[in-house]
PDB file of N, CA and C in Angstrom:
ATOM      1  N   MET A   1       4.597  -1.794 -10.772  1.00  0.00           N
ATOM      2  CA  MET A   1       5.344  -2.946 -11.223  1.00  0.00           C
ATOM      3  C   MET A   1       6.667  -2.532 -11.872  1.00  0.00           C
ATOM      4  N   GLU A   2       6.721  -1.347 -12.414  1.00  0.00           N
ATOM      5  CA  GLU A   2       7.922  -0.904 -13.123  1.00  0.00           C
ATOM      6  C   GLU A   2       8.944  -0.241 -12.209  1.00  0.00           C
ATOM      7  N   ASP A   3       8.570   0.014 -10.962  1.00  0.00           N
ATOM      8  CA  ASP A   3       9.484   0.697 -10.055  1.00  0.00           C
ATOM      9  C   ASP A   3      10.667  -0.217  -9.715  1.00  0.00           C
ATOM     10  N   SER A   4      11.876   0.327  -9.814  1.00  0.00           N
ATOM     11  CA  SER A   4      13.078  -0.480  -9.591  1.00  0.00           C
ATOM     12  C   SER A   4      13.236  -0.908  -8.133  1.00  0.00           C
ATOM     13  N   GLN A   5      12.632  -0.192  -7.203  1.00  0.00           N
ATOM     14  CA  GLN A   5      12.779  -0.542  -5.785  1.00  0.00           C
ATOM     15  C   GLN A   5      11.721  -1.527  -5.310  1.00  0.00           C
ATOM     16  N   ILE A   6      10.471  -1.307  -5.653  1.00  0.00           N
ATOM     17  CA  ILE A   6       9.419  -2.163  -5.096  1.00  0.00           C
ATOM     18  C   ILE A   6       8.631  -2.966  -6.126  1.00  0.00           C
ATOM     19  N   GLY A   7       8.844  -2.720  -7.391  1.00  0.00           N
ATOM     20  CA  GLY A   7       8.084  -3.414  -8.427  1.00  0.00           C
ATOM     21  C   GLY A   7       8.216  -4.920  -8.371  1.00  0.00           C
ATOM     22  N   HIS A   8       9.411  -5.397  -8.025  1.00  0.00           N
ATOM     23  CA  HIS A   8       9.630  -6.847  -8.003  1.00  0.00           C
ATOM     24  C   HIS A   8       8.749  -7.564  -6.985  1.00  0.00           C
ATOM     25  N   TYR A   9       8.374  -6.890  -5.908  1.00  0.00           N
ATOM     26  CA  TYR A   9       7.479  -7.521  -4.926  1.00  0.00           C
ATOM     27  C   TYR A   9       6.127  -7.834  -5.568  1.00  0.00           C
ATOM     28  N   PHE A  10       5.606  -6.878  -6.307  1.00  0.00           N
ATOM     29  CA  PHE A  10       4.317  -7.066  -6.959  1.00  0.00           C
ATOM     30  C   PHE A  10       4.393  -8.145  -8.031  1.00  0.00           C
ATOM     31  N   LEU A  11       5.463  -8.130  -8.812  1.00  0.00           N
ATOM     32  CA  LEU A  11       5.637  -9.144  -9.854  1.00  0.00           C
ATOM     33  C   LEU A  11       5.749 -10.537  -9.246  1.00  0.00           C
ATOM     34  N   LEU A  12       6.506 -10.646  -8.172  1.00  0.00           N
ATOM     35  CA  LEU A  12       6.700 -11.934  -7.520  1.00  0.00           C
ATOM     36  C   LEU A  12       5.396 -12.460  -6.916  1.00  0.00           C
ATOM     37  N   GLU A  13       4.663 -11.598  -6.265  1.00  0.00           N
ATOM     38  CA  GLU A  13       3.440 -12.012  -5.568  1.00  0.00           C
ATOM     39  C   GLU A  13       2.229 -12.135  -6.487  1.00  0.00           C
ATOM     40  N   LEU A  14       2.136 -11.247  -7.503  1.00  0.00           N
ATOM     41  CA  LEU A  14       0.912 -11.160  -8.294  1.00  0.00           C
ATOM     42  C   LEU A  14       1.089 -11.467  -9.775  1.00  0.00           C
ATOM     43  N   GLY A  15       2.306 -11.440 -10.258  1.00  0.00           N
ATOM     44  CA  GLY A  15       2.561 -11.730 -11.667  1.00  0.00           C
ATOM     45  C   GLY A  15       2.625 -10.476 -12.521  1.00  0.00           C
ATOM     46  N   GLU A  16       2.965 -10.669 -13.774  1.00  0.00           N
ATOM     47  CA  GLU A  16       3.153  -9.555 -14.706  1.00  0.00           C
ATOM     48  C   GLU A  16       1.868  -9.077 -15.362  1.00  0.00           C
ATOM     49  N   ASP A  17       0.886  -9.937 -15.463  1.00  0.00           N
ATOM     50  CA  ASP A  17      -0.359  -9.624 -16.159  1.00  0.00           C
ATOM     51  C   ASP A  17      -1.392  -9.085 -15.170  1.00  0.00           C
ATOM     52  N   MET A  18      -1.648  -7.783 -15.248  1.00  0.00           N
ATOM     53  CA  MET A  18      -2.605  -7.186 -14.312  1.00  0.00           C
ATOM     54  C   MET A  18      -4.038  -7.667 -14.536  1.00  0.00           C
ATOM     55  N   GLY A  19      -4.256  -8.411 -15.601  1.00  0.00           N
ATOM     56  CA  GLY A  19      -5.568  -8.974 -15.855  1.00  0.00           C
ATOM     57  C   GLY A  19      -5.745 -10.375 -15.282  1.00  0.00           C
ATOM     58  N   ASN A  20      -4.675 -10.916 -14.699  1.00  0.00           N
ATOM     59  CA  ASN A  20      -4.792 -12.270 -14.162  1.00  0.00           C
ATOM     60  C   ASN A  20      -5.611 -12.276 -12.869  1.00  0.00           C
ATOM     61  N   GLU A  21      -5.975 -13.465 -12.457  1.00  0.00           N
ATOM     62  CA  GLU A  21      -6.854 -13.621 -11.295  1.00  0.00           C
ATOM     63  C   GLU A  21      -6.258 -13.031 -10.012  1.00  0.00           C
ATOM     64  N   GLU A  22      -4.961 -13.197  -9.815  1.00  0.00           N
ATOM     65  CA  GLU A  22      -4.313 -12.684  -8.601  1.00  0.00           C
ATOM     66  C   GLU A  22      -4.378 -11.155  -8.527  1.00  0.00           C
ATOM     67  N   TRP A  23      -4.086 -10.501  -9.643  1.00  0.00           N
ATOM     68  CA  TRP A  23      -4.155  -9.039  -9.674  1.00  0.00           C
ATOM     69  C   TRP A  23      -5.592  -8.556  -9.477  1.00  0.00           C
ATOM     70  N   VAL A  24      -6.526  -9.195 -10.146  1.00  0.00           N
ATOM     71  CA  VAL A  24      -7.935  -8.787 -10.028  1.00  0.00           C
ATOM     72  C   VAL A  24      -8.385  -8.909  -8.572  1.00  0.00           C
ATOM     73  N   LYS A  25      -8.038 -10.021  -7.919  1.00  0.00           N
ATOM     74  CA  LYS A  25      -8.392 -10.195  -6.502  1.00  0.00           C
ATOM     75  C   LYS A  25      -7.735  -9.110  -5.653  1.00  0.00           C
ATOM     76  N   HIS A  26      -6.464  -8.840  -5.918  1.00  0.00           N
ATOM     77  CA  HIS A  26      -5.734  -7.841  -5.140  1.00  0.00           C
ATOM     78  C   HIS A  26      -6.361  -6.453  -5.290  1.00  0.00           C
ATOM     79  N   ILE A  27      -6.684  -6.090  -6.504  1.00  0.00           N
ATOM     80  CA  ILE A  27      -7.290  -4.781  -6.751  1.00  0.00           C
ATOM     81  C   ILE A  27      -8.662  -4.693  -6.083  1.00  0.00           C
ATOM     82  N   ASP A  28      -9.439  -5.756  -6.154  1.00  0.00           N
ATOM     83  CA  ASP A  28     -10.735  -5.782  -5.459  1.00  0.00           C
ATOM     84  C   ASP A  28     -10.558  -5.587  -3.955  1.00  0.00           C
ATOM     85  N   ILE A  29      -9.547  -6.238  -3.393  1.00  0.00           N
ATOM     86  CA  ILE A  29      -9.265  -6.086  -1.953  1.00  0.00           C
ATOM     87  C   ILE A  29      -8.889  -4.648  -1.640  1.00  0.00           C
ATOM     88  N   LEU A  30      -8.061  -4.046  -2.491  1.00  0.00           N
ATOM     89  CA  LEU A  30      -7.654  -2.654  -2.268  1.00  0.00           C
ATOM     90  C   LEU A  30      -8.843  -1.703  -2.326  1.00  0.00           C
ATOM     91  N   VAL A  31      -9.717  -1.910  -3.290  1.00  0.00           N
ATOM     92  CA  VAL A  31     -10.910  -1.070  -3.408  1.00  0.00           C
ATOM     93  C   VAL A  31     -11.754  -1.201  -2.144  1.00  0.00           C
ATOM     94  N   ASP A  32     -11.967  -2.434  -1.697  1.00  0.00           N
ATOM     95  CA  ASP A  32     -12.755  -2.655  -0.476  1.00  0.00           C
ATOM     96  C   ASP A  32     -12.069  -2.046   0.743  1.00  0.00           C
ATOM     97  N   PHE A  33     -10.739  -2.159   0.810  1.00  0.00           N
ATOM     98  CA  PHE A  33      -9.984  -1.600   1.935  1.00  0.00           C
ATOM     99  C   PHE A  33     -10.177  -0.088   2.026  1.00  0.00           C
ATOM    100  N   TRP A  34      -9.962   0.610   0.905  1.00  0.00           N
ATOM    101  CA  TRP A  34     -10.078   2.071   0.934  1.00  0.00           C
ATOM    102  C   TRP A  34     -11.528   2.515   1.130  1.00  0.00           C
ATOM    103  N   ALA A  35     -12.479   1.737   0.629  1.00  0.00           N
ATOM    104  CA  ALA A  35     -13.894   2.045   0.865  1.00  0.00           C
ATOM    105  C   ALA A  35     -14.216   1.892   2.348  1.00  0.00           C
ATOM    106  N   LYS A  36     -13.625   0.917   2.997  1.00  0.00           N
ATOM    107  CA  LYS A  36     -13.813   0.742   4.445  1.00  0.00           C
ATOM    108  C   LYS A  36     -13.228   1.939   5.199  1.00  0.00           C
ATOM    109  N   ILE A  37     -12.035   2.357   4.803  1.00  0.00           N
ATOM    110  CA  ILE A  37     -11.354   3.461   5.480  1.00  0.00           C
ATOM    111  C   ILE A  37     -12.157   4.758   5.378  1.00  0.00           C
ATOM    112  N   PHE A  38     -12.606   5.088   4.182  1.00  0.00           N
ATOM    113  CA  PHE A  38     -13.240   6.389   3.978  1.00  0.00           C
ATOM    114  C   PHE A  38     -14.759   6.383   4.018  1.00  0.00           C
ATOM    115  N   LEU A  39     -15.354   5.239   3.744  1.00  0.00           N
ATOM    116  CA  LEU A  39     -16.815   5.193   3.659  1.00  0.00           C
ATOM    117  C   LEU A  39     -17.438   4.249   4.680  1.00  0.00           C
ATOM    118  N   ASP A  40     -16.599   3.630   5.498  1.00  0.00           N
ATOM    119  CA  ASP A  40     -17.042   2.633   6.467  1.00  0.00           C
ATOM    120  C   ASP A  40     -17.832   1.522   5.780  1.00  0.00           C
ATOM    121  N   ASP A  41     -17.419   1.199   4.569  1.00  0.00           N
ATOM    122  CA  ASP A  41     -18.056   0.136   3.789  1.00  0.00           C
ATOM    123  C   ASP A  41     -17.728  -1.214   4.427  1.00  0.00           C
ATOM    124  N   PRO A  42     -18.721  -2.040   4.672  1.00  0.00           N
ATOM    125  CA  PRO A  42     -18.489  -3.302   5.379  1.00  0.00           C
ATOM    126  C   PRO A  42     -17.895  -4.428   4.534  1.00  0.00           C
ATOM    127  N   LEU A  43     -17.633  -4.209   3.254  1.00  0.00           N
ATOM    128  CA  LEU A  43     -17.142  -5.289   2.403  1.00  0.00           C
ATOM    129  C   LEU A  43     -15.744  -5.766   2.793  1.00  0.00           C
ATOM    130  N   TYR A  44     -14.923  -4.886   3.333  1.00  0.00           N
ATOM    131  CA  TYR A  44     -13.565  -5.285   3.708  1.00  0.00           C
ATOM    132  C   TYR A  44     -13.571  -5.735   5.161  1.00  0.00           C
ATOM    133  N   ASN A  45     -13.177  -6.977   5.364  1.00  0.00           N
ATOM    134  CA  ASN A  45     -13.092  -7.483   6.733  1.00  0.00           C
ATOM    135  C   ASN A  45     -11.872  -8.374   6.901  1.00  0.00           C
ATOM    136  N   SER A  46     -10.833  -8.078   6.149  1.00  0.00           N
ATOM    137  CA  SER A  46      -9.596  -8.858   6.186  1.00  0.00           C
ATOM    138  C   SER A  46      -8.536  -8.148   7.009  1.00  0.00           C
ATOM    139  N   ASP A  47      -7.418  -8.808   7.172  1.00  0.00           N
ATOM    140  CA  ASP A  47      -6.260  -8.256   7.859  1.00  0.00           C
ATOM    141  C   ASP A  47      -5.306  -7.691   6.809  1.00  0.00           C
ATOM    142  N   PRO A  48      -5.119  -6.375   6.760  1.00  0.00           N
ATOM    143  CA  PRO A  48      -4.231  -5.823   5.734  1.00  0.00           C
ATOM    144  C   PRO A  48      -2.752  -6.128   5.992  1.00  0.00           C
ATOM    145  N   TYR A  49      -2.412  -6.490   7.210  1.00  0.00           N
ATOM    146  CA  TYR A  49      -1.008  -6.680   7.562  1.00  0.00           C
ATOM    147  C   TYR A  49      -0.513  -8.099   7.296  1.00  0.00           C
ATOM    148  N   GLY A  50      -1.319  -9.085   7.629  1.00  0.00           N
ATOM    149  CA  GLY A  50      -0.912 -10.486   7.580  1.00  0.00           C
ATOM    150  C   GLY A  50      -0.213 -10.937   6.316  1.00  0.00           C
ATOM    151  N   PRO A  51      -0.788 -10.694   5.144  1.00  0.00           N
ATOM    152  CA  PRO A  51      -0.140 -11.179   3.921  1.00  0.00           C
ATOM    153  C   PRO A  51       1.267 -10.618   3.700  1.00  0.00           C
ATOM    154  N   HIS A  52       1.569  -9.488   4.273  1.00  0.00           N
ATOM    155  CA  HIS A  52       2.872  -8.863   4.057  1.00  0.00           C
ATOM    156  C   HIS A  52       3.981  -9.506   4.889  1.00  0.00           C
ATOM    157  N   PHE A  53       3.605 -10.311   5.891  1.00  0.00           N
ATOM    158  CA  PHE A  53       4.611 -11.001   6.700  1.00  0.00           C
ATOM    159  C   PHE A  53       5.367 -12.048   5.892  1.00  0.00           C
ATOM    160  N   THR A  54       4.784 -12.527   4.810  1.00  0.00           N
ATOM    161  CA  THR A  54       5.425 -13.584   4.019  1.00  0.00           C
ATOM    162  C   THR A  54       6.284 -13.044   2.877  1.00  0.00           C
ATOM    163  N   ILE A  55       6.310 -11.745   2.699  1.00  0.00           N
ATOM    164  CA  ILE A  55       7.093 -11.163   1.609  1.00  0.00           C
ATOM    165  C   ILE A  55       8.558 -11.067   2.039  1.00  0.00           C
ATOM    166  N   VAL A  56       9.388 -11.823   1.386  1.00  0.00           N
ATOM    167  CA  VAL A  56      10.807 -11.898   1.730  1.00  0.00           C
ATOM    168  C   VAL A  56      11.524 -10.624   1.293  1.00  0.00           C
ATOM    169  N   GLY A  57      12.316 -10.068   2.211  1.00  0.00           N
ATOM    170  CA  GLY A  57      13.161  -8.929   1.890  1.00  0.00           C
ATOM    171  C   GLY A  57      12.515  -7.562   2.031  1.00  0.00           C
ATOM    172  N   LEU A  58      11.274  -7.510   2.447  1.00  0.00           N
ATOM    173  CA  LEU A  58      10.562  -6.239   2.577  1.00  0.00           C
ATOM    174  C   LEU A  58      11.214  -5.379   3.658  1.00  0.00           C
ATOM    175  N   GLU A  59      11.529  -4.135   3.322  1.00  0.00           N
ATOM    176  CA  GLU A  59      12.212  -3.216   4.228  1.00  0.00           C
ATOM    177  C   GLU A  59      11.387  -1.957   4.430  1.00  0.00           C
ATOM    178  N   LYS A  60      11.689  -1.226   5.495  1.00  0.00           N
ATOM    179  CA  LYS A  60      10.934   0.006   5.776  1.00  0.00           C
ATOM    180  C   LYS A  60      11.075   1.026   4.654  1.00  0.00           C
ATOM    181  N   GLU A  61      12.221   1.047   3.996  1.00  0.00           N
ATOM    182  CA  GLU A  61      12.411   1.961   2.872  1.00  0.00           C
ATOM    183  C   GLU A  61      11.459   1.650   1.715  1.00  0.00           C
ATOM    184  N   ASP A  62      11.051   0.402   1.639  1.00  0.00           N
ATOM    185  CA  ASP A  62      10.085   0.020   0.606  1.00  0.00           C
ATOM    186  C   ASP A  62       8.732   0.671   0.879  1.00  0.00           C
ATOM    187  N   PHE A  63       8.373   0.813   2.134  1.00  0.00           N
ATOM    188  CA  PHE A  63       7.119   1.490   2.471  1.00  0.00           C
ATOM    189  C   PHE A  63       7.226   2.986   2.202  1.00  0.00           C
ATOM    190  N   THR A  64       8.393   3.555   2.457  1.00  0.00           N
ATOM    191  CA  THR A  64       8.608   4.965   2.130  1.00  0.00           C
ATOM    192  C   THR A  64       8.440   5.172   0.626  1.00  0.00           C
ATOM    193  N   ARG A  65       9.014   4.275  -0.149  1.00  0.00           N
ATOM    194  CA  ARG A  65       8.886   4.370  -1.604  1.00  0.00           C
ATOM    195  C   ARG A  65       7.434   4.199  -2.033  1.00  0.00           C
ATOM    196  N   TRP A  66       6.730   3.235  -1.420  1.00  0.00           N
ATOM    197  CA  TRP A  66       5.326   3.017  -1.748  1.00  0.00           C
ATOM    198  C   TRP A  66       4.512   4.278  -1.451  1.00  0.00           C
ATOM    199  N   VAL A  67       4.769   4.925  -0.306  1.00  0.00           N
ATOM    200  CA  VAL A  67       4.038   6.155   0.037  1.00  0.00           C
ATOM    201  C   VAL A  67       4.291   7.212  -1.032  1.00  0.00           C
ATOM    202  N   LYS A  68       5.524   7.340  -1.482  1.00  0.00           N
ATOM    203  CA  LYS A  68       5.843   8.338  -2.506  1.00  0.00           C
ATOM    204  C   LYS A  68       5.073   8.055  -3.799  1.00  0.00           C
ATOM    205  N   LEU A  69       5.110   6.812  -4.257  1.00  0.00           N
ATOM    206  CA  LEU A  69       4.411   6.452  -5.491  1.00  0.00           C
ATOM    207  C   LEU A  69       2.894   6.584  -5.331  1.00  0.00           C
ATOM    208  N   PHE A  70       2.384   6.144  -4.202  1.00  0.00           N
ATOM    209  CA  PHE A  70       0.956   6.252  -3.924  1.00  0.00           C
ATOM    210  C   PHE A  70       0.532   7.718  -3.916  1.00  0.00           C
ATOM    211  N   SER A  71       1.339   8.553  -3.289  1.00  0.00           N
ATOM    212  CA  SER A  71       1.040   9.989  -3.210  1.00  0.00           C
ATOM    213  C   SER A  71       1.016  10.633  -4.588  1.00  0.00           C
ATOM    214  N   GLU A  72       1.973  10.278  -5.425  1.00  0.00           N
ATOM    215  CA  GLU A  72       1.996  10.812  -6.790  1.00  0.00           C
ATOM    216  C   GLU A  72       0.734  10.400  -7.544  1.00  0.00           C
ATOM    217  N   SER A  73       0.299   9.167  -7.321  1.00  0.00           N
ATOM    218  CA  SER A  73      -0.917   8.682  -7.991  1.00  0.00           C
ATOM    219  C   SER A  73      -2.150   9.424  -7.502  1.00  0.00           C
ATOM    220  N   THR A  74      -2.268   9.599  -6.199  1.00  0.00           N
ATOM    221  CA  THR A  74      -3.453  10.298  -5.679  1.00  0.00           C
ATOM    222  C   THR A  74      -3.469  11.746  -6.153  1.00  0.00           C
ATOM    223  N   ASP A  75      -2.300  12.360  -6.278  1.00  0.00           N
ATOM    224  CA  ASP A  75      -2.244  13.740  -6.781  1.00  0.00           C
ATOM    225  C   ASP A  75      -2.748  13.829  -8.218  1.00  0.00           C
ATOM    226  N   ARG A  76      -2.489  12.789  -9.006  1.00  0.00           N
ATOM    227  CA  ARG A  76      -2.940  12.782 -10.406  1.00  0.00           C
ATOM    228  C   ARG A  76      -4.440  12.498 -10.525  1.00  0.00           C
ATOM    229  N   VAL A  77      -4.989  11.730  -9.599  1.00  0.00           N
ATOM    230  CA  VAL A  77      -6.362  11.252  -9.730  1.00  0.00           C
ATOM    231  C   VAL A  77      -7.383  12.123  -9.001  1.00  0.00           C
ATOM    232  N   TYR A  78      -7.026  12.636  -7.831  1.00  0.00           N
ATOM    233  CA  TYR A  78      -7.998  13.311  -6.976  1.00  0.00           C
ATOM    234  C   TYR A  78      -7.720  14.800  -6.841  1.00  0.00           C
ATOM    235  N   THR A  79      -8.712  15.497  -6.327  1.00  0.00           N
ATOM    236  CA  THR A  79      -8.504  16.901  -5.983  1.00  0.00           C
ATOM    237  C   THR A  79      -7.467  16.967  -4.868  1.00  0.00           C
ATOM    238  N   GLN A  80      -6.902  18.126  -4.667  1.00  0.00           N
ATOM    239  CA  GLN A  80      -5.867  18.298  -3.647  1.00  0.00           C
ATOM    240  C   GLN A  80      -6.381  17.890  -2.266  1.00  0.00           C
ATOM    241  N   GLU A  81      -7.591  18.257  -1.954  1.00  0.00           N
ATOM    242  CA  GLU A  81      -8.172  17.955  -0.648  1.00  0.00           C
ATOM    243  C   GLU A  81      -8.320  16.444  -0.430  1.00  0.00           C
ATOM    244  N   ILE A  82      -8.861  15.752  -1.402  1.00  0.00           N
ATOM    245  CA  ILE A  82      -9.064  14.311  -1.276  1.00  0.00           C
ATOM    246  C   ILE A  82      -7.726  13.586  -1.321  1.00  0.00           C
ATOM    247  N   SER A  83      -6.829  14.033  -2.177  1.00  0.00           N
ATOM    248  CA  SER A  83      -5.503  13.436  -2.249  1.00  0.00           C
ATOM    249  C   SER A  83      -4.806  13.519  -0.901  1.00  0.00           C
ATOM    250  N   TYR A  84      -4.916  14.644  -0.246  1.00  0.00           N
ATOM    251  CA  TYR A  84      -4.294  14.806   1.077  1.00  0.00           C
ATOM    252  C   TYR A  84      -4.825  13.761   2.061  1.00  0.00           C
ATOM    253  N   LEU A  85      -6.124  13.511   2.041  1.00  0.00           N
ATOM    254  CA  LEU A  85      -6.720  12.517   2.946  1.00  0.00           C
ATOM    255  C   LEU A  85      -6.149  11.127   2.675  1.00  0.00           C
ATOM    256  N   PHE A  86      -6.051  10.760   1.396  1.00  0.00           N
ATOM    257  CA  PHE A  86      -5.475   9.466   1.047  1.00  0.00           C
ATOM    258  C   PHE A  86      -4.021   9.377   1.499  1.00  0.00           C
ATOM    259  N   LYS A  87      -3.257  10.424   1.260  1.00  0.00           N
ATOM    260  CA  LYS A  87      -1.842  10.403   1.620  1.00  0.00           C
ATOM    261  C   LYS A  87      -1.654  10.302   3.129  1.00  0.00           C
ATOM    262  N   ALA A  88      -2.455  11.017   3.886  1.00  0.00           N
ATOM    263  CA  ALA A  88      -2.353  10.955   5.348  1.00  0.00           C
ATOM    264  C   ALA A  88      -2.636   9.536   5.838  1.00  0.00           C
ATOM    265  N   LYS A  89      -3.659   8.918   5.299  1.00  0.00           N
ATOM    266  CA  LYS A  89      -3.986   7.539   5.690  1.00  0.00           C
ATOM    267  C   LYS A  89      -2.899   6.569   5.235  1.00  0.00           C
ATOM    268  N   ALA A  90      -2.349   6.790   4.049  1.00  0.00           N
ATOM    269  CA  ALA A  90      -1.290   5.918   3.546  1.00  0.00           C
ATOM    270  C   ALA A  90      -0.076   5.972   4.467  1.00  0.00           C
ATOM    271  N   ILE A  91       0.276   7.152   4.918  1.00  0.00           N
ATOM    272  CA  ILE A  91       1.411   7.280   5.839  1.00  0.00           C
ATOM    273  C   ILE A  91       1.113   6.564   7.147  1.00  0.00           C
ATOM    274  N   ASP A  92      -0.092   6.756   7.677  1.00  0.00           N
ATOM    275  CA  ASP A  92      -0.476   6.069   8.916  1.00  0.00           C
ATOM    276  C   ASP A  92      -0.334   4.557   8.763  1.00  0.00           C
ATOM    277  N   TYR A  93      -0.862   4.021   7.666  1.00  0.00           N
ATOM    278  CA  TYR A  93      -0.800   2.577   7.456  1.00  0.00           C
ATOM    279  C   TYR A  93       0.614   2.100   7.194  1.00  0.00           C
ATOM    280  N   ALA A  94       1.396   2.855   6.456  1.00  0.00           N
ATOM    281  CA  ALA A  94       2.784   2.458   6.212  1.00  0.00           C
ATOM    282  C   ALA A  94       3.551   2.393   7.528  1.00  0.00           C
ATOM    283  N   GLN A  95       3.339   3.373   8.395  1.00  0.00           N
ATOM    284  CA  GLN A  95       4.010   3.345   9.694  1.00  0.00           C
ATOM    285  C   GLN A  95       3.539   2.163  10.534  1.00  0.00           C
ATOM    286  N   GLU A  96       2.263   1.860  10.449  1.00  0.00           N
ATOM    287  CA  GLU A  96       1.735   0.703  11.162  1.00  0.00           C
ATOM    288  C   GLU A  96       2.342  -0.595  10.615  1.00  0.00           C
ATOM    289  N   PHE A  97       2.482  -0.694   9.300  1.00  0.00           N
ATOM    290  CA  PHE A  97       3.129  -1.862   8.708  1.00  0.00           C
ATOM    291  C   PHE A  97       4.548  -1.996   9.240  1.00  0.00           C
ATOM    292  N   ILE A  98       5.281  -0.905   9.247  1.00  0.00           N
ATOM    293  CA  ILE A  98       6.667  -0.918   9.713  1.00  0.00           C
ATOM    294  C   ILE A  98       6.730  -1.395  11.162  1.00  0.00           C
ATOM    295  N   GLU A  99       5.845  -0.906  11.991  1.00  0.00           N
ATOM    296  CA  GLU A  99       5.823  -1.313  13.397  1.00  0.00           C
ATOM    297  C   GLU A  99       5.472  -2.796  13.532  1.00  0.00           C
ATOM    298  N   ARG A 100       4.426  -3.225  12.850  1.00  0.00           N
ATOM    299  CA  ARG A 100       3.980  -4.619  12.966  1.00  0.00           C
ATOM    300  C   ARG A 100       4.982  -5.600  12.377  1.00  0.00           C
ATOM    301  N   LEU A 101       5.699  -5.181  11.357  1.00  0.00           N
ATOM    302  CA  LEU A 101       6.686  -6.049  10.735  1.00  0.00           C
ATOM    303  C   LEU A 101       8.056  -5.904  11.395  1.00  0.00           C
ATOM    304  N   LYS A 102       8.098  -5.151  12.490  1.00  0.00           N
ATOM    305  CA  LYS A 102       9.332  -4.990  13.284  1.00  0.00           C
ATOM    306  C   LYS A 102      10.484  -4.437  12.464  1.00  0.00           C
ATOM    307  N   MET A 103      10.227  -3.301  11.816  1.00  0.00           N
ATOM    308  CA  MET A 103      11.221  -2.700  10.931  1.00  0.00           C
ATOM    309  C   MET A 103      11.826  -1.421  11.488  1.00  0.00           C
ATOM    310  N   ASN A 104      11.966  -1.325  12.791  1.00  0.00           N
ATOM    311  CA  ASN A 104      12.595  -0.159  13.409  1.00  0.00           C
ATOM    312  C   ASN A 104      11.890   1.141  13.020  1.00  0.00           C
ATOM    313  N   PRO A 105      10.660   1.350  13.481  1.00  0.00           N
ATOM    314  CA  PRO A 105       9.897   2.531  13.075  1.00  0.00           C
ATOM    315  C   PRO A 105      10.536   3.850  13.501  1.00  0.00           C
ATOM    316  N   GLU A 106      11.387   3.834  14.523  1.00  0.00           N
ATOM    317  CA  GLU A 106      11.999   5.084  14.986  1.00  0.00           C
ATOM    318  C   GLU A 106      12.858   5.739  13.917  1.00  0.00           C
ATOM    319  N   SER A 107      13.421   4.928  13.038  1.00  0.00           N
ATOM    320  CA  SER A 107      14.316   5.490  12.028  1.00  0.00           C
ATOM    321  C   SER A 107      13.653   5.644  10.660  1.00  0.00           C
ATOM    322  N   SER A 108      12.356   5.374  10.592  1.00  0.00           N
ATOM    323  CA  SER A 108      11.707   5.503   9.287  1.00  0.00           C
ATOM    324  C   SER A 108      11.386   6.963   8.990  1.00  0.00           C
ATOM    325  N   GLU A 109      11.450   7.299   7.720  1.00  0.00           N
ATOM    326  CA  GLU A 109      11.118   8.651   7.285  1.00  0.00           C
ATOM    327  C   GLU A 109      10.065   8.545   6.204  1.00  0.00           C
ATOM    328  N   LEU A 110       8.812   8.637   6.606  1.00  0.00           N
ATOM    329  CA  LEU A 110       7.733   8.576   5.642  1.00  0.00           C
ATOM    330  C   LEU A 110       7.241   9.970   5.359  1.00  0.00           C
ATOM    331  N   PHE A 111       7.129  10.285   4.093  1.00  0.00           N
ATOM    332  CA  PHE A 111       6.697  11.618   3.693  1.00  0.00           C
ATOM    333  C   PHE A 111       6.127  11.545   2.298  1.00  0.00           C
ATOM    334  N   TRP A 112       5.556  12.649   1.865  1.00  0.00           N
ATOM    335  CA  TRP A 112       5.112  12.761   0.469  1.00  0.00           C
ATOM    336  C   TRP A 112       5.546  14.082  -0.069  1.00  0.00           C
TER     337      TRP A 112
END
């Protein structure tokens, strides 16, 4: 939320209070999403891409920034091996978002 490049998207969509209902729902969805990815947990059965089509002004550089911030977080939380797995999947999904949102994937530079 504090990031100058992408924080405003989260504030606009979810609000400032991470304890509010929107944030709690979002975090629950994220937990279920990553559990599905790594554990084949059946709780997540939503479309991760759809809600992002309504976010005004979203650019491919925003996904690059998200990957960087996400990668820094996984490095702080997980072992190097597990962090690498999360980062690899994050890059895959960010590139998929860019493609699905028609953001010129050929010129995107996603890295960690």
